[in-house]
Amino acid sequence: MVLFEVMLAIFVFTLAAFSLVMALNGCLETANARNRIELAVHGLDNQLALLHGTNIQPGETDAPDDGTGVAYHVSVALAQDLRDQKGLPVPNTYRVTITAQWKAPSGELQTRSVSEMVFQP
């Protein structure tokens, strides 16, 4: 009888330990996914800051690889929808859209993008 009780206690302990390991694994996977998203958002901010320091030309380009595994695509277009008081398009105003794309640990592609109006006198 004692042997049966000991085996039952070991089984319950093993089941609890296994459940704890599975929960911790889920927490680590979620934290890694959050870190990747945060890395992409900071990269988007960096790409916008770099863009403000250069002469903007309309077109689409891929930003150089920054070594983080996140690919950035930059799209610049003239802002035709922005008009002055006379109804004329505001010159030297661009709509910049930067898209970050990376592969999640589960294998699916994740994307985030940011869009901003930029005026260059």
PDB file of N, CA and C in Angstrom:
ATOM      1  N   MET A   1       0.817  -1.192   0.000  1.00  0.00           N
ATOM      2  CA  MET A   1       0.000   0.000   0.000  1.00  0.00           C
ATOM      3  C   MET A   1       0.864   1.261   0.000  1.00  0.00           C
ATOM      4  N   VAL A   2       1.939   1.237   0.768  1.00  0.00           N
ATOM      5  CA  VAL A   2       2.828   2.400   0.847  1.00  0.00           C
ATOM      6  C   VAL A   2       3.485   2.645  -0.514  1.00  0.00           C
ATOM      7  N   LEU A   3       3.870   1.579  -1.197  1.00  0.00           N
ATOM      8  CA  LEU A   3       4.495   1.719  -2.504  1.00  0.00           C
ATOM      9  C   LEU A   3       3.535   2.392  -3.492  1.00  0.00           C
ATOM     10  N   PHE A   4       2.260   2.015  -3.449  1.00  0.00           N
ATOM     11  CA  PHE A   4       1.273   2.630  -4.323  1.00  0.00           C
ATOM     12  C   PHE A   4       1.127   4.117  -4.025  1.00  0.00           C
ATOM     13  N   GLU A   5       1.112   4.501  -2.741  1.00  0.00           N
ATOM     14  CA  GLU A   5       0.989   5.914  -2.368  1.00  0.00           C
ATOM     15  C   GLU A   5       2.212   6.717  -2.813  1.00  0.00           C
ATOM     16  N   VAL A   6       3.395   6.139  -2.708  1.00  0.00           N
ATOM     17  CA  VAL A   6       4.621   6.814  -3.137  1.00  0.00           C
ATOM     18  C   VAL A   6       4.605   7.003  -4.656  1.00  0.00           C
ATOM     19  N   MET A   7       4.195   5.965  -5.379  1.00  0.00           N
ATOM     20  CA  MET A   7       4.142   6.083  -6.834  1.00  0.00           C
ATOM     21  C   MET A   7       3.104   7.121  -7.261  1.00  0.00           C
ATOM     22  N   LEU A   8       1.970   7.177  -6.579  1.00  0.00           N
ATOM     23  CA  LEU A   8       0.955   8.167  -6.881  1.00  0.00           C
ATOM     24  C   LEU A   8       1.473   9.582  -6.592  1.00  0.00           C
ATOM     25  N   ALA A   9       2.196   9.773  -5.502  1.00  0.00           N
ATOM     26  CA  ALA A   9       2.759  11.081  -5.169  1.00  0.00           C
ATOM     27  C   ALA A   9       3.799  11.500  -6.203  1.00  0.00           C
ATOM     28  N   ILE A  10       4.639  10.565  -6.649  1.00  0.00           N
ATOM     29  CA  ILE A  10       5.642  10.881  -7.672  1.00  0.00           C
ATOM     30  C   ILE A  10       4.951  11.241  -8.986  1.00  0.00           C
ATOM     31  N   PHE A  11       3.874  10.545  -9.328  1.00  0.00           N
ATOM     32  CA  PHE A  11       3.132  10.856 -10.546  1.00  0.00           C
ATOM     33  C   PHE A  11       2.542  12.262 -10.485  1.00  0.00           C
ATOM     34  N   VAL A  12       1.931  12.618  -9.361  1.00  0.00           N
ATOM     35  CA  VAL A  12       1.347  13.951  -9.211  1.00  0.00           C
ATOM     36  C   VAL A  12       2.441  15.020  -9.279  1.00  0.00           C
ATOM     37  N   PHE A  13       3.584  14.781  -8.606  1.00  0.00           N
ATOM     38  CA  PHE A  13       4.693  15.727  -8.651  1.00  0.00           C
ATOM     39  C   PHE A  13       5.217  15.885 -10.087  1.00  0.00           C
ATOM     40  N   THR A  14       5.358  14.794 -10.818  1.00  0.00           N
ATOM     41  CA  THR A  14       5.830  14.839 -12.201  1.00  0.00           C
ATOM     42  C   THR A  14       4.851  15.600 -13.084  1.00  0.00           C
ATOM     43  N   LEU A  15       3.571  15.369 -12.904  1.00  0.00           N
ATOM     44  CA  LEU A  15       2.555  16.073 -13.669  1.00  0.00           C
ATOM     45  C   LEU A  15       2.609  17.580 -13.398  1.00  0.00           C
ATOM     46  N   ALA A  16       2.765  17.976 -12.140  1.00  0.00           N
ATOM     47  CA  ALA A  16       2.858  19.396 -11.799  1.00  0.00           C
ATOM     48  C   ALA A  16       4.135  20.018 -12.373  1.00  0.00           C
ATOM     49  N   ALA A  17       5.245  19.313 -12.306  1.00  0.00           N
ATOM     50  CA  ALA A  17       6.508  19.827 -12.841  1.00  0.00           C
ATOM     51  C   ALA A  17       6.428  19.976 -14.358  1.00  0.00           C
ATOM     52  N   PHE A  18       5.837  19.008 -15.027  1.00  0.00           N
ATOM     53  CA  PHE A  18       5.691  19.080 -16.482  1.00  0.00           C
ATOM     54  C   PHE A  18       4.799  20.257 -16.880  1.00  0.00           C
ATOM     55  N   SER A  19       3.716  20.476 -16.150  1.00  0.00           N
ATOM     56  CA  SER A  19       2.827  21.605 -16.433  1.00  0.00           C
ATOM     57  C   SER A  19       3.552  22.926 -16.227  1.00  0.00           C
ATOM     58  N   LEU A  20       4.379  23.014 -15.199  1.00  0.00           N
ATOM     59  CA  LEU A  20       5.145  24.223 -14.939  1.00  0.00           C
ATOM     60  C   LEU A  20       6.148  24.497 -16.057  1.00  0.00           C
ATOM     61  N   VAL A  21       6.817  23.465 -16.535  1.00  0.00           N
ATOM     62  CA  VAL A  21       7.772  23.616 -17.638  1.00  0.00           C
ATOM     63  C   VAL A  21       7.057  24.082 -18.901  1.00  0.00           C
ATOM     64  N   MET A  22       5.896  23.545 -19.195  1.00  0.00           N
ATOM     65  CA  MET A  22       5.134  23.962 -20.373  1.00  0.00           C
ATOM     66  C   MET A  22       4.696  25.422 -20.251  1.00  0.00           C
ATOM     67  N   ALA A  23       4.266  25.838 -19.064  1.00  0.00           N
ATOM     68  CA  ALA A  23       3.856  27.232 -18.859  1.00  0.00           C
ATOM     69  C   ALA A  23       5.053  28.173 -19.022  1.00  0.00           C
ATOM     70  N   LEU A  24       6.200  27.799 -18.484  1.00  0.00           N
ATOM     71  CA  LEU A  24       7.397  28.632 -18.633  1.00  0.00           C
ATOM     72  C   LEU A  24       7.838  28.717 -20.088  1.00  0.00           C
ATOM     73  N   ASN A  25       7.716  27.637 -20.829  1.00  0.00           N
ATOM     74  CA  ASN A  25       8.060  27.653 -22.247  1.00  0.00           C
ATOM     75  C   ASN A  25       7.151  28.624 -23.004  1.00  0.00           C
ATOM     76  N   GLY A  26       5.867  28.619 -22.701  1.00  0.00           N
ATOM     77  CA  GLY A  26       4.940  29.566 -23.331  1.00  0.00           C
ATOM     78  C   GLY A  26       5.288  31.008 -22.989  1.00  0.00           C
ATOM     79  N   CYS A  27       5.680  31.256 -21.757  1.00  0.00           N
ATOM     80  CA  CYS A  27       6.082  32.608 -21.358  1.00  0.00           C
ATOM     81  C   CYS A  27       7.327  33.058 -22.107  1.00  0.00           C
ATOM     82  N   LEU A  28       8.295  32.170 -22.267  1.00  0.00           N
ATOM     83  CA  LEU A  28       9.519  32.527 -22.988  1.00  0.00           C
ATOM     84  C   LEU A  28       9.246  32.797 -24.459  1.00  0.00           C
ATOM     85  N   GLU A  29       8.398  32.004 -25.089  1.00  0.00           N
ATOM     86  CA  GLU A  29       8.059  32.236 -26.490  1.00  0.00           C
ATOM     87  C   GLU A  29       7.351  33.577 -26.667  1.00  0.00           C
ATOM     88  N   THR A  30       6.452  33.911 -25.755  1.00  0.00           N
ATOM     89  CA  THR A  30       5.750  35.190 -25.820  1.00  0.00           C
ATOM     90  C   THR A  30       6.707  36.350 -25.616  1.00  0.00           C
ATOM     91  N   ALA A  31       7.633  36.218 -24.687  1.00  0.00           N
ATOM     92  CA  ALA A  31       8.613  37.281 -24.442  1.00  0.00           C
ATOM     93  C   ALA A  31       9.521  37.473 -25.653  1.00  0.00           C
ATOM     94  N   ASN A  32       9.920  36.390 -26.303  1.00  0.00           N
ATOM     95  CA  ASN A  32      10.749  36.505 -27.501  1.00  0.00           C
ATOM     96  C   ASN A  32       9.990  37.191 -28.636  1.00  0.00           C
ATOM     97  N   ALA A  33       8.714  36.869 -28.798  1.00  0.00           N
ATOM     98  CA  ALA A  33       7.903  37.517 -29.841  1.00  0.00           C
ATOM     99  C   ALA A  33       7.750  39.006 -29.547  1.00  0.00           C
ATOM    100  N   ARG A  34       7.543  39.357 -28.286  1.00  0.00           N
ATOM    101  CA  ARG A  34       7.434  40.764 -27.908  1.00  0.00           C
ATOM    102  C   ARG A  34       8.735  41.500 -28.151  1.00  0.00           C
ATOM    103  N   ASN A  35       9.852  40.867 -27.862  1.00  0.00           N
ATOM    104  CA  ASN A  35      11.154  41.487 -28.109  1.00  0.00           C
ATOM    105  C   ASN A  35      11.388  41.724 -29.599  1.00  0.00           C
ATOM    106  N   ARG A  36      10.954  40.794 -30.451  1.00  0.00           N
ATOM    107  CA  ARG A  36      11.103  40.979 -31.901  1.00  0.00           C
ATOM    108  C   ARG A  36      10.262  42.158 -32.381  1.00  0.00           C
ATOM    109  N   ILE A  37       9.041  42.275 -31.874  1.00  0.00           N
ATOM    110  CA  ILE A  37       8.183  43.397 -32.259  1.00  0.00           C
ATOM    111  C   ILE A  37       8.803  44.716 -31.789  1.00  0.00           C
ATOM    112  N   GLU A  38       9.311  44.738 -30.579  1.00  0.00           N
ATOM    113  CA  GLU A  38       9.957  45.950 -30.060  1.00  0.00           C
ATOM    114  C   GLU A  38      11.189  46.310 -30.887  1.00  0.00           C
ATOM    115  N   LEU A  39      11.950  45.317 -31.296  1.00  0.00           N
ATOM    116  CA  LEU A  39      13.122  45.547 -32.138  1.00  0.00           C
ATOM    117  C   LEU A  39      12.704  46.147 -33.484  1.00  0.00           C
ATOM    118  N   ALA A  40      11.622  45.651 -34.059  1.00  0.00           N
ATOM    119  CA  ALA A  40      11.139  46.176 -35.336  1.00  0.00           C
ATOM    120  C   ALA A  40      10.633  47.612 -35.184  1.00  0.00           C
ATOM    121  N   VAL A  41       9.939  47.909 -34.096  1.00  0.00           N
ATOM    122  CA  VAL A  41       9.422  49.260 -33.881  1.00  0.00           C
ATOM    123  C   VAL A  41      10.566  50.249 -33.688  1.00  0.00           C
ATOM    124  N   HIS A  42      11.586  49.866 -32.937  1.00  0.00           N
ATOM    125  CA  HIS A  42      12.758  50.738 -32.783  1.00  0.00           C
ATOM    126  C   HIS A  42      13.484  50.906 -34.118  1.00  0.00           C
ATOM    127  N   GLY A  43      13.527  49.863 -34.917  1.00  0.00           N
ATOM    128  CA  GLY A  43      14.133  49.962 -36.234  1.00  0.00           C
ATOM    129  C   GLY A  43      13.360  50.912 -37.137  1.00  0.00           C
ATOM    130  N   LEU A  44      12.026  50.890 -37.044  1.00  0.00           N
ATOM    131  CA  LEU A  44      11.220  51.829 -37.815  1.00  0.00           C
ATOM    132  C   LEU A  44      11.512  53.269 -37.404  1.00  0.00           C
ATOM    133  N   ASP A  45      11.632  53.495 -36.103  1.00  0.00           N
ATOM    134  CA  ASP A  45      11.997  54.832 -35.622  1.00  0.00           C
ATOM    135  C   ASP A  45      13.368  55.252 -36.149  1.00  0.00           C
ATOM    136  N   ASN A  46      14.313  54.332 -36.139  1.00  0.00           N
ATOM    137  CA  ASN A  46      15.651  54.641 -36.645  1.00  0.00           C
ATOM    138  C   ASN A  46      15.624  54.955 -38.136  1.00  0.00           C
ATOM    139  N   GLN A  47      14.854  54.199 -38.912  1.00  0.00           N
ATOM    140  CA  GLN A  47      14.769  54.446 -40.340  1.00  0.00           C
ATOM    141  C   GLN A  47      14.143  55.814 -40.631  1.00  0.00           C
ATOM    142  N   LEU A  48      13.133  56.203 -39.837  1.00  0.00           N
ATOM    143  CA  LEU A  48      12.549  57.534 -40.005  1.00  0.00           C
ATOM    144  C   LEU A  48      13.553  58.621 -39.663  1.00  0.00           C
ATOM    145  N   ALA A  49      14.322  58.425 -38.599  1.00  0.00           N
ATOM    146  CA  ALA A  49      15.333  59.413 -38.223  1.00  0.00           C
ATOM    147  C   ALA A  49      16.396  59.536 -39.305  1.00  0.00           C
ATOM    148  N   LEU A  50      16.814  58.420 -39.887  1.00  0.00           N
ATOM    149  CA  LEU A  50      17.787  58.471 -40.974  1.00  0.00           C
ATOM    150  C   LEU A  50      17.221  59.177 -42.197  1.00  0.00           C
ATOM    151  N   LEU A  51      15.939  58.986 -42.444  1.00  0.00           N
ATOM    152  CA  LEU A  51      15.301  59.595 -43.597  1.00  0.00           C
ATOM    153  C   LEU A  51      15.209  61.111 -43.455  1.00  0.00           C
ATOM    154  N   HIS A  52      15.013  61.588 -42.231  1.00  0.00           N
ATOM    155  CA  HIS A  52      14.931  63.032 -42.006  1.00  0.00           C
ATOM    156  C   HIS A  52      16.264  63.721 -42.278  1.00  0.00           C
ATOM    157  N   GLY A  53      17.351  62.998 -42.211  1.00  0.00           N
ATOM    158  CA  GLY A  53      18.665  63.591 -42.426  1.00  0.00           C
ATOM    159  C   GLY A  53      19.132  63.564 -43.867  1.00  0.00           C
ATOM    160  N   THR A  54      18.329  63.039 -44.771  1.00  0.00           N
ATOM    161  CA  THR A  54      18.738  62.933 -46.169  1.00  0.00           C
ATOM    162  C   THR A  54      17.781  63.715 -47.065  1.00  0.00           C
ATOM    163  N   ASN A  55      18.184  63.895 -48.302  1.00  0.00           N
ATOM    164  CA  ASN A  55      17.327  64.514 -49.301  1.00  0.00           C
ATOM    165  C   ASN A  55      16.358  63.453 -49.823  1.00  0.00           C
ATOM    166  N   ILE A  56      15.078  63.696 -49.644  1.00  0.00           N
ATOM    167  CA  ILE A  56      14.065  62.696 -49.995  1.00  0.00           C
ATOM    168  C   ILE A  56      13.706  62.814 -51.465  1.00  0.00           C
ATOM    169  N   GLN A  57      13.660  61.672 -52.136  1.00  0.00           N
ATOM    170  CA  GLN A  57      13.236  61.580 -53.528  1.00  0.00           C
ATOM    171  C   GLN A  57      12.116  60.557 -53.623  1.00  0.00           C
ATOM    172  N   PRO A  58      11.072  60.829 -54.412  1.00  0.00           N
ATOM    173  CA  PRO A  58       9.983  59.853 -54.552  1.00  0.00           C
ATOM    174  C   PRO A  58      10.487  58.535 -55.140  1.00  0.00           C
ATOM    175  N   GLY A  59       9.927  57.454 -54.669  1.00  0.00           N
ATOM    176  CA  GLY A  59      10.276  56.127 -55.161  1.00  0.00           C
ATOM    177  C   GLY A  59      10.184  55.102 -54.056  1.00  0.00           C
ATOM    178  N   GLU A  60      10.569  53.888 -54.391  1.00  0.00           N
ATOM    179  CA  GLU A  60      10.543  52.785 -53.428  1.00  0.00           C
ATOM    180  C   GLU A  60      11.920  52.148 -53.377  1.00  0.00           C
ATOM    181  N   THR A  61      12.406  51.923 -52.166  1.00  0.00           N
ATOM    182  CA  THR A  61      13.707  51.293 -51.974  1.00  0.00           C
ATOM    183  C   THR A  61      13.646  50.355 -50.776  1.00  0.00           C
ATOM    184  N   ASP A  62      14.597  49.454 -50.737  1.00  0.00           N
ATOM    185  CA  ASP A  62      14.786  48.610 -49.566  1.00  0.00           C
ATOM    186  C   ASP A  62      15.936  49.190 -48.766  1.00  0.00           C
ATOM    187  N   ALA A  63      15.713  49.371 -47.477  1.00  0.00           N
ATOM    188  CA  ALA A  63      16.761  49.909 -46.616  1.00  0.00           C
ATOM    189  C   ALA A  63      17.840  48.851 -46.425  1.00  0.00           C
ATOM    190  N   PRO A  64      19.085  49.272 -46.204  1.00  0.00           N
ATOM    191  CA  PRO A  64      20.148  48.292 -45.993  1.00  0.00           C
ATOM    192  C   PRO A  64      19.904  47.465 -44.731  1.00  0.00           C
ATOM    193  N   ASP A  65      20.399  46.236 -44.749  1.00  0.00           N
ATOM    194  CA  ASP A  65      20.239  45.325 -43.617  1.00  0.00           C
ATOM    195  C   ASP A  65      20.984  45.876 -42.408  1.00  0.00           C
ATOM    196  N   ASP A  66      20.303  45.903 -41.261  1.00  0.00           N
ATOM    197  CA  ASP A  66      20.941  46.402 -40.044  1.00  0.00           C
ATOM    198  C   ASP A  66      21.428  45.281 -39.121  1.00  0.00           C
ATOM    199  N   GLY A  67      21.359  44.050 -39.595  1.00  0.00           N
ATOM    200  CA  GLY A  67      21.884  42.924 -38.826  1.00  0.00           C
ATOM    201  C   GLY A  67      20.930  42.355 -37.800  1.00  0.00           C
ATOM    202  N   THR A  68      19.694  42.817 -37.750  1.00  0.00           N
ATOM    203  CA  THR A  68      18.738  42.320 -36.766  1.00  0.00           C
ATOM    204  C   THR A  68      17.800  41.261 -37.323  1.00  0.00           C
ATOM    205  N   GLY A  69      17.855  41.023 -38.634  1.00  0.00           N
ATOM    206  CA  GLY A  69      16.950  40.059 -39.242  1.00  0.00           C
ATOM    207  C   GLY A  69      15.622  40.661 -39.646  1.00  0.00           C
ATOM    208  N   VAL A  70      15.506  41.985 -39.539  1.00  0.00           N
ATOM    209  CA  VAL A  70      14.293  42.692 -39.932  1.00  0.00           C
ATOM    210  C   VAL A  70      14.578  43.430 -41.232  1.00  0.00           C
ATOM    211  N   ALA A  71      13.740  43.225 -42.244  1.00  0.00           N
ATOM    212  CA  ALA A  71      13.906  43.894 -43.534  1.00  0.00           C
ATOM    213  C   ALA A  71      12.984  45.113 -43.573  1.00  0.00           C
ATOM    214  N   TYR A  72      13.514  46.230 -44.058  1.00  0.00           N
ATOM    215  CA  TYR A  72      12.756  47.478 -44.121  1.00  0.00           C
ATOM    216  C   TYR A  72      12.574  47.894 -45.573  1.00  0.00           C
ATOM    217  N   HIS A  73      11.358  48.306 -45.906  1.00  0.00           N
ATOM    218  CA  HIS A  73      11.035  48.792 -47.250  1.00  0.00           C
ATOM    219  C   HIS A  73      10.536  50.222 -47.110  1.00  0.00           C
ATOM    220  N   VAL A  74      11.137  51.153 -47.859  1.00  0.00           N
ATOM    221  CA  VAL A  74      10.808  52.571 -47.770  1.00  0.00           C
ATOM    222  C   VAL A  74      10.089  52.985 -49.052  1.00  0.00           C
ATOM    223  N   SER A  75       8.923  53.582 -48.892  1.00  0.00           N
ATOM    224  CA  SER A  75       8.138  54.080 -50.013  1.00  0.00           C
ATOM    225  C   SER A  75       7.906  55.575 -49.809  1.00  0.00           C
ATOM    226  N   VAL A  76       8.316  56.385 -50.805  1.00  0.00           N
ATOM    227  CA  VAL A  76       8.166  57.840 -50.738  1.00  0.00           C
ATOM    228  C   VAL A  76       7.337  58.284 -51.933  1.00  0.00           C
ATOM    229  N   ALA A  77       6.289  59.070 -51.660  1.00  0.00           N
ATOM    230  CA  ALA A  77       5.437  59.595 -52.722  1.00  0.00           C
ATOM    231  C   ALA A  77       5.118  61.055 -52.423  1.00  0.00           C
ATOM    232  N   LEU A  78       4.916  61.836 -53.485  1.00  0.00           N
ATOM    233  CA  LEU A  78       4.488  63.218 -53.298  1.00  0.00           C
ATOM    234  C   LEU A  78       3.111  63.230 -52.651  1.00  0.00           C
ATOM    235  N   ALA A  79       2.920  64.127 -51.710  1.00  0.00           N
ATOM    236  CA  ALA A  79       1.635  64.233 -51.014  1.00  0.00           C
ATOM    237  C   ALA A  79       0.717  65.128 -51.830  1.00  0.00           C
ATOM    238  N   GLN A  80      -0.089  64.543 -52.663  1.00  0.00           N
ATOM    239  CA  GLN A  80      -0.992  65.298 -53.525  1.00  0.00           C
ATOM    240  C   GLN A  80      -2.257  65.734 -52.794  1.00  0.00           C
ATOM    241  N   ASP A  81      -2.593  65.066 -51.701  1.00  0.00           N
ATOM    242  CA  ASP A  81      -3.833  65.373 -50.996  1.00  0.00           C
ATOM    243  C   ASP A  81      -3.700  66.551 -50.035  1.00  0.00           C
ATOM    244  N   LEU A  82      -2.488  67.047 -49.832  1.00  0.00           N
ATOM    245  CA  LEU A  82      -2.257  68.181 -48.945  1.00  0.00           C
ATOM    246  C   LEU A  82      -2.265  69.459 -49.779  1.00  0.00           C
ATOM    247  N   ARG A  83      -3.178  70.372 -49.474  1.00  0.00           N
ATOM    248  CA  ARG A  83      -3.354  71.587 -50.279  1.00  0.00           C
ATOM    249  C   ARG A  83      -3.274  72.822 -49.379  1.00  0.00           C
ATOM    250  N   ASP A  84      -2.865  73.953 -49.997  1.00  0.00           N
ATOM    251  CA  ASP A  84      -2.804  75.208 -49.253  1.00  0.00           C
ATOM    252  C   ASP A  84      -4.155  75.912 -49.305  1.00  0.00           C
ATOM    253  N   GLN A  85      -4.203  77.187 -48.853  1.00  0.00           N
ATOM    254  CA  GLN A  85      -5.470  77.921 -48.787  1.00  0.00           C
ATOM    255  C   GLN A  85      -6.051  78.197 -50.167  1.00  0.00           C
ATOM    256  N   LYS A  86      -5.209  78.235 -51.189  1.00  0.00           N
ATOM    257  CA  LYS A  86      -5.678  78.496 -52.551  1.00  0.00           C
ATOM    258  C   LYS A  86      -6.067  77.214 -53.288  1.00  0.00           C
ATOM    259  N   GLY A  87      -5.900  76.077 -52.625  1.00  0.00           N
ATOM    260  CA  GLY A  87      -6.248  74.805 -53.235  1.00  0.00           C
ATOM    261  C   GLY A  87      -5.144  74.184 -54.061  1.00  0.00           C
ATOM    262  N   LEU A  88      -3.942  74.743 -53.983  1.00  0.00           N
ATOM    263  CA  LEU A  88      -2.800  74.213 -54.730  1.00  0.00           C
ATOM    264  C   LEU A  88      -2.042  73.197 -53.887  1.00  0.00           C
ATOM    265  N   PRO A  89      -1.453  72.182 -54.526  1.00  0.00           N
ATOM    266  CA  PRO A  89      -0.660  71.210 -53.752  1.00  0.00           C
ATOM    267  C   PRO A  89       0.547  71.895 -53.099  1.00  0.00           C
ATOM    268  N   VAL A  90       0.843  71.518 -51.881  1.00  0.00           N
ATOM    269  CA  VAL A  90       1.995  72.068 -51.168  1.00  0.00           C
ATOM    270  C   VAL A  90       3.245  71.411 -51.735  1.00  0.00           C
ATOM    271  N   PRO A  91       4.197  72.212 -52.265  1.00  0.00           N
ATOM    272  CA  PRO A  91       5.394  71.609 -52.860  1.00  0.00           C
ATOM    273  C   PRO A  91       6.332  71.055 -51.788  1.00  0.00           C
ATOM    274  N   ASN A  92       7.155  70.115 -52.209  1.00  0.00           N
ATOM    275  CA  ASN A  92       8.180  69.503 -51.351  1.00  0.00           C
ATOM    276  C   ASN A  92       7.600  68.809 -50.126  1.00  0.00           C
ATOM    277  N   THR A  93       6.390  68.305 -50.244  1.00  0.00           N
ATOM    278  CA  THR A  93       5.775  67.546 -49.158  1.00  0.00           C
ATOM    279  C   THR A  93       5.617  66.102 -49.624  1.00  0.00           C
ATOM    280  N   TYR A  94       6.104  65.183 -48.812  1.00  0.00           N
ATOM    281  CA  TYR A  94       6.127  63.769 -49.189  1.00  0.00           C
ATOM    282  C   TYR A  94       5.428  62.927 -48.132  1.00  0.00           C
ATOM    283  N   ARG A  95       4.800  61.866 -48.571  1.00  0.00           N
ATOM    284  CA  ARG A  95       4.253  60.848 -47.653  1.00  0.00           C
ATOM    285  C   ARG A  95       5.227  59.679 -47.673  1.00  0.00           C
ATOM    286  N   VAL A  96       5.810  59.429 -46.514  1.00  0.00           N
ATOM    287  CA  VAL A  96       6.809  58.370 -46.365  1.00  0.00           C
ATOM    288  C   VAL A  96       6.170  57.208 -45.608  1.00  0.00           C
ATOM    289  N   THR A  97       6.279  56.012 -46.169  1.00  0.00           N
ATOM    290  CA  THR A  97       5.794  54.800 -45.510  1.00  0.00           C
ATOM    291  C   THR A  97       6.947  53.820 -45.418  1.00  0.00           C
ATOM    292  N   ILE A  98       7.232  53.385 -44.200  1.00  0.00           N
ATOM    293  CA  ILE A  98       8.296  52.406 -43.970  1.00  0.00           C
ATOM    294  C   ILE A  98       7.650  51.153 -43.398  1.00  0.00           C
ATOM    295  N   THR A  99       7.956  50.015 -44.009  1.00  0.00           N
ATOM    296  CA  THR A  99       7.391  48.735 -43.590  1.00  0.00           C
ATOM    297  C   THR A  99       8.508  47.819 -43.117  1.00  0.00           C
ATOM    298  N   ALA A 100       8.333  47.259 -41.935  1.00  0.00           N
ATOM    299  CA  ALA A 100       9.281  46.287 -41.389  1.00  0.00           C
ATOM    300  C   ALA A 100       8.674  44.896 -41.544  1.00  0.00           C
ATOM    301  N   GLN A 101       9.503  43.939 -41.954  1.00  0.00           N
ATOM    302  CA  GLN A 101       9.030  42.567 -42.139  1.00  0.00           C
ATOM    303  C   GLN A 101      10.074  41.617 -41.567  1.00  0.00           C
ATOM    304  N   TRP A 102       9.618  40.649 -40.783  1.00  0.00           N
ATOM    305  CA  TRP A 102      10.515  39.667 -40.198  1.00  0.00           C
ATOM    306  C   TRP A 102       9.783  38.347 -40.037  1.00  0.00           C
ATOM    307  N   LYS A 103      10.556  37.311 -39.818  1.00  0.00           N
ATOM    308  CA  LYS A 103       9.992  35.973 -39.663  1.00  0.00           C
ATOM    309  C   LYS A 103       9.904  35.645 -38.174  1.00  0.00           C
ATOM    310  N   ALA A 104       8.717  35.289 -37.732  1.00  0.00           N
ATOM    311  CA  ALA A 104       8.495  34.907 -36.337  1.00  0.00           C
ATOM    312  C   ALA A 104       9.084  33.526 -36.091  1.00  0.00           C
ATOM    313  N   PRO A 105       9.362  33.178 -34.828  1.00  0.00           N
ATOM    314  CA  PRO A 105       9.888  31.834 -34.540  1.00  0.00           C
ATOM    315  C   PRO A 105       8.959  30.713 -35.004  1.00  0.00           C
ATOM    316  N   SER A 106       7.669  31.015 -35.123  1.00  0.00           N
ATOM    317  CA  SER A 106       6.734  29.988 -35.597  1.00  0.00           C
ATOM    318  C   SER A 106       6.802  29.813 -37.112  1.00  0.00           C
ATOM    319  N   GLY A 107       7.526  30.708 -37.802  1.00  0.00           N
ATOM    320  CA  GLY A 107       7.707  30.590 -39.240  1.00  0.00           C
ATOM    321  C   GLY A 107       6.852  31.532 -40.064  1.00  0.00           C
ATOM    322  N   GLU A 108       5.896  32.209 -39.454  1.00  0.00           N
ATOM    323  CA  GLU A 108       5.041  33.119 -40.216  1.00  0.00           C
ATOM    324  C   GLU A 108       5.684  34.498 -40.317  1.00  0.00           C
ATOM    325  N   LEU A 109       5.353  35.214 -41.393  1.00  0.00           N
ATOM    326  CA  LEU A 109       5.896  36.555 -41.600  1.00  0.00           C
ATOM    327  C   LEU A 109       5.093  37.573 -40.806  1.00  0.00           C
ATOM    328  N   GLN A 110       5.790  38.451 -40.118  1.00  0.00           N
ATOM    329  CA  GLN A 110       5.177  39.525 -39.343  1.00  0.00           C
ATOM    330  C   GLN A 110       5.531  40.845 -40.006  1.00  0.00           C
ATOM    331  N   THR A 111       4.611  41.803 -40.016  1.00  0.00           N
ATOM    332  CA  THR A 111       4.890  43.118 -40.579  1.00  0.00           C
ATOM    333  C   THR A 111       4.335  44.204 -39.676  1.00  0.00           C
ATOM    334  N   ARG A 112       5.032  45.314 -39.674  1.00  0.00           N
ATOM    335  CA  ARG A 112       4.579  46.543 -39.026  1.00  0.00           C
ATOM    336  C   ARG A 112       4.981  47.675 -39.959  1.00  0.00           C
ATOM    337  N   SER A 113       4.169  48.720 -40.014  1.00  0.00           N
ATOM    338  CA  SER A 113       4.527  49.848 -40.869  1.00  0.00           C
ATOM    339  C   SER A 113       4.178  51.159 -40.169  1.00  0.00           C
ATOM    340  N   VAL A 114       4.861  52.207 -40.618  1.00  0.00           N
ATOM    341  CA  VAL A 114       4.627  53.544 -40.101  1.00  0.00           C
ATOM    342  C   VAL A 114       4.610  54.497 -41.294  1.00  0.00           C
ATOM    343  N   SER A 115       3.726  55.485 -41.234  1.00  0.00           N
ATOM    344  CA  SER A 115       3.597  56.453 -42.313  1.00  0.00           C
ATOM    345  C   SER A 115       3.673  57.847 -41.723  1.00  0.00           C
ATOM    346  N   GLU A 116       4.335  58.739 -42.445  1.00  0.00           N
ATOM    347  CA  GLU A 116       4.538  60.090 -41.934  1.00  0.00           C
ATOM    348  C   GLU A 116       4.611  61.066 -43.099  1.00  0.00           C
ATOM    349  N   MET A 117       4.117  62.288 -42.865  1.00  0.00           N
ATOM    350  CA  MET A 117       4.253  63.365 -43.851  1.00  0.00           C
ATOM    351  C   MET A 117       5.546  64.107 -43.536  1.00  0.00           C
ATOM    352  N   VAL A 118       6.345  64.350 -44.586  1.00  0.00           N
ATOM    353  CA  VAL A 118       7.632  65.025 -44.415  1.00  0.00           C
ATOM    354  C   VAL A 118       7.661  66.224 -45.353  1.00  0.00           C
ATOM    355  N   PHE A 119       8.042  67.389 -44.807  1.00  0.00           N
ATOM    356  CA  PHE A 119       8.207  68.591 -45.617  1.00  0.00           C
ATOM    357  C   PHE A 119       9.682  68.927 -45.659  1.00  0.00           C
ATOM    358  N   GLN A 120      10.196  69.106 -46.868  1.00  0.00           N
ATOM    359  CA  GLN A 120      11.598  69.508 -47.031  1.00  0.00           C
ATOM    360  C   GLN A 120      11.631  70.834 -47.788  1.00  0.00           C
ATOM    361  N   PRO A 121      12.041  71.906 -47.110  1.00  0.00           N
ATOM    362  CA  PRO A 121      12.058  73.220 -47.769  1.00  0.00           C
ATOM    363  C   PRO A 121      13.112  73.315 -48.850  1.00  0.00           C
TER     364      PRO A 121
END
